[in-house]
Structures are given as C-alpha cells and as structure tokens.
Amino acid sequence: MASFETPCLSVRHGVRMVPEPNVTLEQASMLRHLMLHNLDKCNIITLYDEIFISNRMSLVVEKLDISLHNYLLETQGLVLLEDIRTVIQQMATALAALKRVGVIHGDVTTDNIMMVDRVRQPFRVKLIDFSQAMFSSQAKPGRILQTPQYRAAEIMLGLPFCEAVDIWALGCVMGIMMFGFELFPTTTDYDASLQPVRNRR
C-alpha cells in the first residue's frame, strides 16, 4: 500500500510581509507554535516574524507563488493525475504533521493551498491561513468552521469532531482537481447542510 506521508523538506524562499486585517494574536501564536515544532518543513507556510504598523499586525512569511484555486482557473482545471497525487500527498503530509502536534487547520481549501514556484518547482505546495486553526482540545461540538463547500458532516450536524474534518476537506480539494468542479457547490451554511442529502437522490 502506498504511503501518503512524504519526507518533510526544507526549502529557502524570499520573504514578504502580509498585512492582514483579520490577523489575530491567536493566529500568530498558533503559527509560532507550529514553527517551534519545525512544521514549516512539512509543507506548511513559514512564519518569520510579526510586526505592528499603525497598531495593525502583519505577518512576515515566506514568499509563495499562486493559490491552487487561481492555478486551476488559469489552466481550466486541466491537471494530470500524477500532479494531483503530488499535491494531495504533500497536503496529507502537512495534515499528518498537524495531527502530531494536536492541531486542526479548520479551513483546507484550494484558496489555502499555495504553489511555492510553479516554474522552478511545479506542484510543490504549502498550506497557508491558520485563522480558523485550533488545538484538538478546543474542538467543541457545535463550533462552526470550514468553508461551506468543504465542510464535514460532523461540523454541519454539531457533533464532536477532530482532525478528520481536515481530511474530508482535502478530499473535496482532490475532487475539484480531478473533476474540475466542486463536489458540494454552495454559498451558504444552509445549502451546505442540504447538499449531501441532495446528492443521494
């Protein structure tokens, strides 16, 4: 059986400053925690520093290229199966690393998977945006997270949940890459809760 875990790699990059209006101290703290465990070597974005400009926090992170979402738009969703496998394998490695340190990402989407350098390192990707991330111990039933199109059933139903919700979301990403469309297209929380039922009819 093929393993979905790949060796953790460390690659040097340029630096960019990202001023994010929604950056919270909790998000910055989570990224620092991940860096302490060297998870930037496991396909997770590297945080270098946080700075305050006019009392607004900005993250100093590695410079990446383009989101998987935008790449799929540019290529009209035409991706070879071997390239899909490469992306999913790297993200599975990232999620396995997060699970080892007891963290749920909470928002795995094509927007939050970034290509490192599509010319020099085709389909080398990293997981970004930890604004919804939490420790597994903070996962309480009824808590709403994840983008509706990627939302796991246990989140919709208010049931106990764990790191497995990220695997569900990654499966949705794989579906988009394979078929060229969202498996559960929706724009609202209500529609998201009905999609699995509609798809069974």
C-alpha atoms as a PDB file:
ATOM      1  CA  MET A   1       0.000   0.000   0.000  1.00  0.00           C
ATOM      2  CA  ALA A   2       1.355   3.415  -0.969  1.00  0.00           C
ATOM      3  CA  SER A   3       2.060   5.814   1.861  1.00  0.00           C
ATOM      4  CA  PHE A   4       0.593   9.315   1.830  1.00  0.00           C
ATOM      5  CA  GLU A   5       3.388  10.594   4.050  1.00  0.00           C
ATOM      6  CA  THR A   6       6.399  12.109   2.328  1.00  0.00           C
ATOM      7  CA  PRO A   7       9.679  13.247   3.857  1.00  0.00           C
ATOM      8  CA  CYS A   8       9.498  16.750   5.323  1.00  0.00           C
ATOM      9  CA  LEU A   9      11.525  19.110   3.168  1.00  0.00           C
ATOM     10  CA  SER A  10      13.117  22.460   3.928  1.00  0.00           C
ATOM     11  CA  VAL A  11      13.435  24.987   1.090  1.00  0.00           C
ATOM     12  CA  ARG A  12      14.742  28.543   1.310  1.00  0.00           C
ATOM     13  CA  HIS A  13      12.472  31.288  -0.015  1.00  0.00           C
ATOM     14  CA  GLY A  14      12.176  35.034  -0.299  1.00  0.00           C
ATOM     15  CA  VAL A  15      10.245  36.979   2.294  1.00  0.00           C
ATOM     16  CA  ARG A  16       7.078  39.023   2.044  1.00  0.00           C
ATOM     17  CA  MET A  17       5.089  40.988   4.582  1.00  0.00           C
ATOM     18  CA  VAL A  18       1.388  40.234   4.669  1.00  0.00           C
ATOM     19  CA  PRO A  19      -0.796  42.908   6.279  1.00  0.00           C
ATOM     20  CA  GLU A  20      -3.972  41.061   7.180  1.00  0.00           C
ATOM     21  CA  PRO A  21      -6.880  42.969   8.731  1.00  0.00           C
ATOM     22  CA  ASN A  22      -8.185  39.783  10.328  1.00  0.00           C
ATOM     23  CA  VAL A  23      -4.915  38.565  11.811  1.00  0.00           C
ATOM     24  CA  THR A  24      -5.358  37.829  15.488  1.00  0.00           C
ATOM     25  CA  LEU A  25      -2.906  37.214  18.261  1.00  0.00           C
ATOM     26  CA  GLU A  26      -4.281  33.675  18.418  1.00  0.00           C
ATOM     27  CA  GLN A  27      -3.426  33.050  14.773  1.00  0.00           C
ATOM     28  CA  ALA A  28       0.090  34.414  15.194  1.00  0.00           C
ATOM     29  CA  SER A  29       0.511  32.352  18.357  1.00  0.00           C
ATOM     30  CA  MET A  30      -0.609  29.213  16.518  1.00  0.00           C
ATOM     31  CA  LEU A  31       1.901  29.798  13.728  1.00  0.00           C
ATOM     32  CA  ARG A  32       4.676  30.349  16.261  1.00  0.00           C
ATOM     33  CA  HIS A  33       3.709  27.052  17.894  1.00  0.00           C
ATOM     34  CA  LEU A  34       3.961  25.282  14.545  1.00  0.00           C
ATOM     35  CA  MET A  35       7.344  26.847  13.835  1.00  0.00           C
ATOM     36  CA  LEU A  36       8.645  25.649  17.208  1.00  0.00           C
ATOM     37  CA  HIS A  37       7.842  22.133  16.016  1.00  0.00           C
ATOM     38  CA  ASN A  38       9.501  22.801  12.630  1.00  0.00           C
ATOM     39  CA  LEU A  39       6.287  22.219  10.737  1.00  0.00           C
ATOM     40  CA  ASP A  40       7.416  24.622   8.029  1.00  0.00           C
ATOM     41  CA  LYS A  41       9.470  21.647   6.854  1.00  0.00           C
ATOM     42  CA  CYS A  42       6.239  19.691   6.402  1.00  0.00           C
ATOM     43  CA  ASN A  43       4.575  21.709   3.638  1.00  0.00           C
ATOM     44  CA  ILE A  44       3.266  24.431   5.957  1.00  0.00           C
ATOM     45  CA  ILE A  45       3.982  28.115   5.348  1.00  0.00           C
ATOM     46  CA  THR A  46       6.978  29.564   7.182  1.00  0.00           C
ATOM     47  CA  LEU A  47       6.380  32.386   9.642  1.00  0.00           C
ATOM     48  CA  TYR A  48       9.427  34.583  10.182  1.00  0.00           C
ATOM     49  CA  ASP A  49       8.062  37.358  12.346  1.00  0.00           C
ATOM     50  CA  GLU A  50       5.080  39.512  13.294  1.00  0.00           C
ATOM     51  CA  ILE A  51       5.267  43.287  13.215  1.00  0.00           C
ATOM     52  CA  PHE A  52       2.874  46.088  14.087  1.00  0.00           C
ATOM     53  CA  ILE A  53       2.336  49.049  11.764  1.00  0.00           C
ATOM     54  CA  SER A  54      -0.130  51.700  12.938  1.00  0.00           C
ATOM     55  CA  ASN A  55      -1.308  49.251  15.606  1.00  0.00           C
ATOM     56  CA  ARG A  56      -2.145  46.626  12.974  1.00  0.00           C
ATOM     57  CA  MET A  57      -0.442  43.267  12.955  1.00  0.00           C
ATOM     58  CA  SER A  58       1.294  41.980   9.845  1.00  0.00           C
ATOM     59  CA  LEU A  59       2.837  38.562   9.355  1.00  0.00           C
ATOM     60  CA  VAL A  60       6.279  38.235   7.819  1.00  0.00           C
ATOM     61  CA  VAL A  61       6.122  34.961   5.903  1.00  0.00           C
ATOM     62  CA  GLU A  62       7.895  33.209   3.084  1.00  0.00           C
ATOM     63  CA  LYS A  63       7.116  34.378  -0.425  1.00  0.00           C
ATOM     64  CA  LEU A  64       4.893  31.955  -2.322  1.00  0.00           C
ATOM     65  CA  ASP A  65       3.523  31.992  -5.854  1.00  0.00           C
ATOM     66  CA  ILE A  66      -0.141  31.404  -6.684  1.00  0.00           C
ATOM     67  CA  SER A  67      -3.035  29.675  -4.954  1.00  0.00           C
ATOM     68  CA  LEU A  68      -4.187  26.302  -6.220  1.00  0.00           C
ATOM     69  CA  HIS A  69      -7.591  27.909  -6.837  1.00  0.00           C
ATOM     70  CA  ASN A  70      -6.132  30.517  -9.189  1.00  0.00           C
ATOM     71  CA  TYR A  71      -3.908  27.951 -10.865  1.00  0.00           C
ATOM     72  CA  LEU A  72      -6.925  25.778 -11.650  1.00  0.00           C
ATOM     73  CA  LEU A  73      -8.721  28.808 -13.085  1.00  0.00           C
ATOM     74  CA  GLU A  74      -5.730  29.635 -15.290  1.00  0.00           C
ATOM     75  CA  THR A  75      -5.406  26.076 -16.569  1.00  0.00           C
ATOM     76  CA  GLN A  76      -9.177  25.498 -16.806  1.00  0.00           C
ATOM     77  CA  GLY A  77      -8.846  22.657 -14.335  1.00  0.00           C
ATOM     78  CA  LEU A  78      -6.612  20.525 -16.548  1.00  0.00           C
ATOM     79  CA  VAL A  79      -4.286  18.678 -14.167  1.00  0.00           C
ATOM     80  CA  LEU A  80      -2.556  15.354 -14.728  1.00  0.00           C
ATOM     81  CA  LEU A  81      -3.380  12.556 -12.301  1.00  0.00           C
ATOM     82  CA  GLU A  82       0.261  12.291 -11.218  1.00  0.00           C
ATOM     83  CA  ASP A  83       0.273  16.016 -10.376  1.00  0.00           C
ATOM     84  CA  ILE A  84      -2.947  15.668  -8.398  1.00  0.00           C
ATOM     85  CA  ARG A  85      -1.332  12.850  -6.441  1.00  0.00           C
ATOM     86  CA  THR A  86       1.733  15.028  -5.783  1.00  0.00           C
ATOM     87  CA  VAL A  87      -0.373  17.859  -4.341  1.00  0.00           C
ATOM     88  CA  ILE A  88      -2.587  15.604  -2.228  1.00  0.00           C
ATOM     89  CA  GLN A  89       0.409  13.694  -0.898  1.00  0.00           C
ATOM     90  CA  GLN A  90       2.076  16.915   0.263  1.00  0.00           C
ATOM     91  CA  MET A  91      -1.110  18.145   1.928  1.00  0.00           C
ATOM     92  CA  ALA A  92      -1.606  14.763   3.598  1.00  0.00           C
ATOM     93  CA  THR A  93       1.914  15.128   4.987  1.00  0.00           C
ATOM     94  CA  ALA A  94       1.037  18.593   6.306  1.00  0.00           C
ATOM     95  CA  LEU A  95      -2.159  17.334   7.945  1.00  0.00           C
ATOM     96  CA  ALA A  96      -0.337  14.365   9.477  1.00  0.00           C
ATOM     97  CA  ALA A  97       2.199  16.794  10.959  1.00  0.00           C
ATOM     98  CA  LEU A  98      -0.595  18.979  12.360  1.00  0.00           C
ATOM     99  CA  LYS A  99      -2.231  15.941  13.924  1.00  0.00           C
ATOM    100  CA  ARG A 100       1.041  15.006  15.621  1.00  0.00           C
ATOM    101  CA  VAL A 101       1.041  18.346  17.440  1.00  0.00           C
ATOM    102  CA  GLY A 102      -2.704  18.242  18.118  1.00  0.00           C
ATOM    103  CA  VAL A 103      -3.828  20.963  15.700  1.00  0.00           C
ATOM    104  CA  ILE A 104      -6.874  21.171  13.429  1.00  0.00           C
ATOM    105  CA  HIS A 105      -6.432  23.557  10.478  1.00  0.00           C
ATOM    106  CA  GLY A 106     -10.155  24.101  10.007  1.00  0.00           C
ATOM    107  CA  ASP A 107     -10.121  25.681   6.540  1.00  0.00           C
ATOM    108  CA  VAL A 108      -8.419  23.456   3.970  1.00  0.00           C
ATOM    109  CA  THR A 109      -9.465  24.798   0.545  1.00  0.00           C
ATOM    110  CA  THR A 110      -7.917  25.374  -2.870  1.00  0.00           C
ATOM    111  CA  ASP A 111      -7.503  29.026  -1.833  1.00  0.00           C
ATOM    112  CA  ASN A 112      -5.392  27.997   1.165  1.00  0.00           C
ATOM    113  CA  ILE A 113      -3.039  25.736  -0.756  1.00  0.00           C
ATOM    114  CA  MET A 114      -0.286  27.801  -2.376  1.00  0.00           C
ATOM    115  CA  MET A 115       2.224  26.848  -5.025  1.00  0.00           C
ATOM    116  CA  VAL A 116       5.800  27.590  -3.996  1.00  0.00           C
ATOM    117  CA  ASP A 117       7.122  28.282  -7.507  1.00  0.00           C
ATOM    118  CA  ARG A 118       5.127  26.868 -10.406  1.00  0.00           C
ATOM    119  CA  VAL A 119       8.039  27.344 -12.848  1.00  0.00           C
ATOM    120  CA  ARG A 120      11.007  26.067 -10.853  1.00  0.00           C
ATOM    121  CA  GLN A 121       9.151  23.666  -8.553  1.00  0.00           C
ATOM    122  CA  PRO A 122       5.954  22.594 -10.339  1.00  0.00           C
ATOM    123  CA  PHE A 123       3.275  21.403  -7.919  1.00  0.00           C
ATOM    124  CA  ARG A 124       5.382  21.984  -4.820  1.00  0.00           C
ATOM    125  CA  VAL A 125       2.724  23.350  -2.458  1.00  0.00           C
ATOM    126  CA  LYS A 126       2.267  24.682   1.065  1.00  0.00           C
ATOM    127  CA  LEU A 127      -0.699  25.027   3.392  1.00  0.00           C
ATOM    128  CA  ILE A 128      -1.497  28.592   4.493  1.00  0.00           C
ATOM    129  CA  ASP A 129      -4.093  30.587   6.502  1.00  0.00           C
ATOM    130  CA  PHE A 130      -4.381  29.376  10.076  1.00  0.00           C
ATOM    131  CA  SER A 131      -7.098  31.869  11.020  1.00  0.00           C
ATOM    132  CA  GLN A 132      -9.502  29.045  11.953  1.00  0.00           C
ATOM    133  CA  ALA A 133      -6.893  26.683  13.357  1.00  0.00           C
ATOM    134  CA  MET A 134      -7.322  25.322  16.855  1.00  0.00           C
ATOM    135  CA  PHE A 135      -5.894  22.718  19.174  1.00  0.00           C
ATOM    136  CA  SER A 136      -7.774  19.443  19.211  1.00  0.00           C
ATOM    137  CA  SER A 137      -8.622  20.053  22.862  1.00  0.00           C
ATOM    138  CA  GLN A 138     -10.591  23.137  21.765  1.00  0.00           C
ATOM    139  CA  ALA A 139     -12.800  21.194  19.358  1.00  0.00           C
ATOM    140  CA  LYS A 140     -16.239  21.516  20.914  1.00  0.00           C
ATOM    141  CA  PRO A 141     -19.489  20.217  19.350  1.00  0.00           C
ATOM    142  CA  GLY A 142     -21.470  22.986  17.694  1.00  0.00           C
ATOM    143  CA  ARG A 143     -18.463  25.090  16.737  1.00  0.00           C
ATOM    144  CA  ILE A 144     -18.743  26.320  13.144  1.00  0.00           C
ATOM    145  CA  LEU A 145     -15.639  26.245  10.982  1.00  0.00           C
ATOM    146  CA  GLN A 146     -14.607  25.358   7.427  1.00  0.00           C
ATOM    147  CA  THR A 147     -15.786  26.942   4.177  1.00  0.00           C
ATOM    148  CA  PRO A 148     -19.302  25.592   3.377  1.00  0.00           C
ATOM    149  CA  GLN A 149     -18.239  23.721   0.209  1.00  0.00           C
ATOM    150  CA  TYR A 150     -15.582  21.862   2.204  1.00  0.00           C
ATOM    151  CA  ARG A 151     -17.482  21.384   5.455  1.00  0.00           C
ATOM    152  CA  ALA A 152     -17.556  17.938   7.047  1.00  0.00           C
ATOM    153  CA  ALA A 153     -20.833  16.378   8.163  1.00  0.00           C
ATOM    154  CA  GLU A 154     -19.931  16.423  11.856  1.00  0.00           C
ATOM    155  CA  ILE A 155     -19.478  20.203  11.693  1.00  0.00           C
ATOM    156  CA  MET A 156     -22.837  20.655   9.936  1.00  0.00           C
ATOM    157  CA  LEU A 157     -24.618  18.488  12.491  1.00  0.00           C
ATOM    158  CA  GLY A 158     -22.926  19.976  15.547  1.00  0.00           C
ATOM    159  CA  LEU A 159     -21.345  16.658  16.514  1.00  0.00           C
ATOM    160  CA  PRO A 160     -17.984  16.018  18.190  1.00  0.00           C
ATOM    161  CA  PHE A 161     -15.163  16.439  15.674  1.00  0.00           C
ATOM    162  CA  CYS A 162     -11.414  16.029  15.351  1.00  0.00           C
ATOM    163  CA  GLU A 163      -8.606  16.354  12.811  1.00  0.00           C
ATOM    164  CA  ALA A 164     -10.598  14.156  10.424  1.00  0.00           C
ATOM    165  CA  VAL A 165     -12.561  17.214   9.251  1.00  0.00           C
ATOM    166  CA  ASP A 166      -9.381  18.379   7.516  1.00  0.00           C
ATOM    167  CA  ILE A 167      -9.132  15.056   5.683  1.00  0.00           C
ATOM    168  CA  TRP A 168     -12.716  15.499   4.458  1.00  0.00           C
ATOM    169  CA  ALA A 169     -11.837  18.965   3.157  1.00  0.00           C
ATOM    170  CA  LEU A 170      -8.725  17.602   1.444  1.00  0.00           C
ATOM    171  CA  GLY A 171     -10.941  15.020  -0.244  1.00  0.00           C
ATOM    172  CA  CYS A 172     -13.067  17.891  -1.559  1.00  0.00           C
ATOM    173  CA  VAL A 173      -9.895  19.533  -2.897  1.00  0.00           C
ATOM    174  CA  MET A 174      -8.959  16.288  -4.644  1.00  0.00           C
ATOM    175  CA  GLY A 175     -12.433  16.101  -6.177  1.00  0.00           C
ATOM    176  CA  ILE A 176     -12.094  19.609  -7.591  1.00  0.00           C
ATOM    177  CA  MET A 177      -8.700  18.760  -9.084  1.00  0.00           C
ATOM    178  CA  MET A 178      -9.956  15.509 -10.601  1.00  0.00           C
ATOM    179  CA  PHE A 179     -13.335  16.583 -11.957  1.00  0.00           C
ATOM    180  CA  GLY A 180     -12.943  20.329 -12.416  1.00  0.00           C
ATOM    181  CA  PHE A 181     -15.877  21.318 -10.219  1.00  0.00           C
ATOM    182  CA  GLU A 182     -16.875  21.425  -6.552  1.00  0.00           C
ATOM    183  CA  LEU A 183     -18.386  18.223  -5.206  1.00  0.00           C
ATOM    184  CA  PHE A 184     -20.732  20.180  -2.919  1.00  0.00           C
ATOM    185  CA  PRO A 185     -21.285  23.590  -4.584  1.00  0.00           C
ATOM    186  CA  THR A 186     -22.955  26.023  -2.223  1.00  0.00           C
ATOM    187  CA  THR A 187     -22.655  29.578  -0.957  1.00  0.00           C
ATOM    188  CA  THR A 188     -24.494  29.393   2.364  1.00  0.00           C
ATOM    189  CA  ASP A 189     -24.327  27.326   5.527  1.00  0.00           C
ATOM    190  CA  TYR A 190     -27.932  26.183   4.973  1.00  0.00           C
ATOM    191  CA  ASP A 191     -27.259  24.960   1.445  1.00  0.00           C
ATOM    192  CA  ALA A 192     -24.129  23.197   2.658  1.00  0.00           C
ATOM    193  CA  SER A 193     -26.181  21.183   5.135  1.00  0.00           C
ATOM    194  CA  LEU A 194     -28.549  20.044   2.358  1.00  0.00           C
ATOM    195  CA  GLN A 195     -26.007  19.144  -0.331  1.00  0.00           C
ATOM    196  CA  PRO A 196     -25.123  15.625   0.896  1.00  0.00           C
ATOM    197  CA  VAL A 197     -28.851  14.824   1.052  1.00  0.00           C
ATOM    198  CA  ARG A 198     -29.499  16.195  -2.442  1.00  0.00           C
ATOM    199  CA  ASN A 199     -26.579  14.267  -3.890  1.00  0.00           C
ATOM    200  CA  ARG A 200     -28.020  10.964  -2.636  1.00  0.00           C
ATOM    201  CA  ARG A 201     -31.277  11.395  -4.555  1.00  0.00           C
END
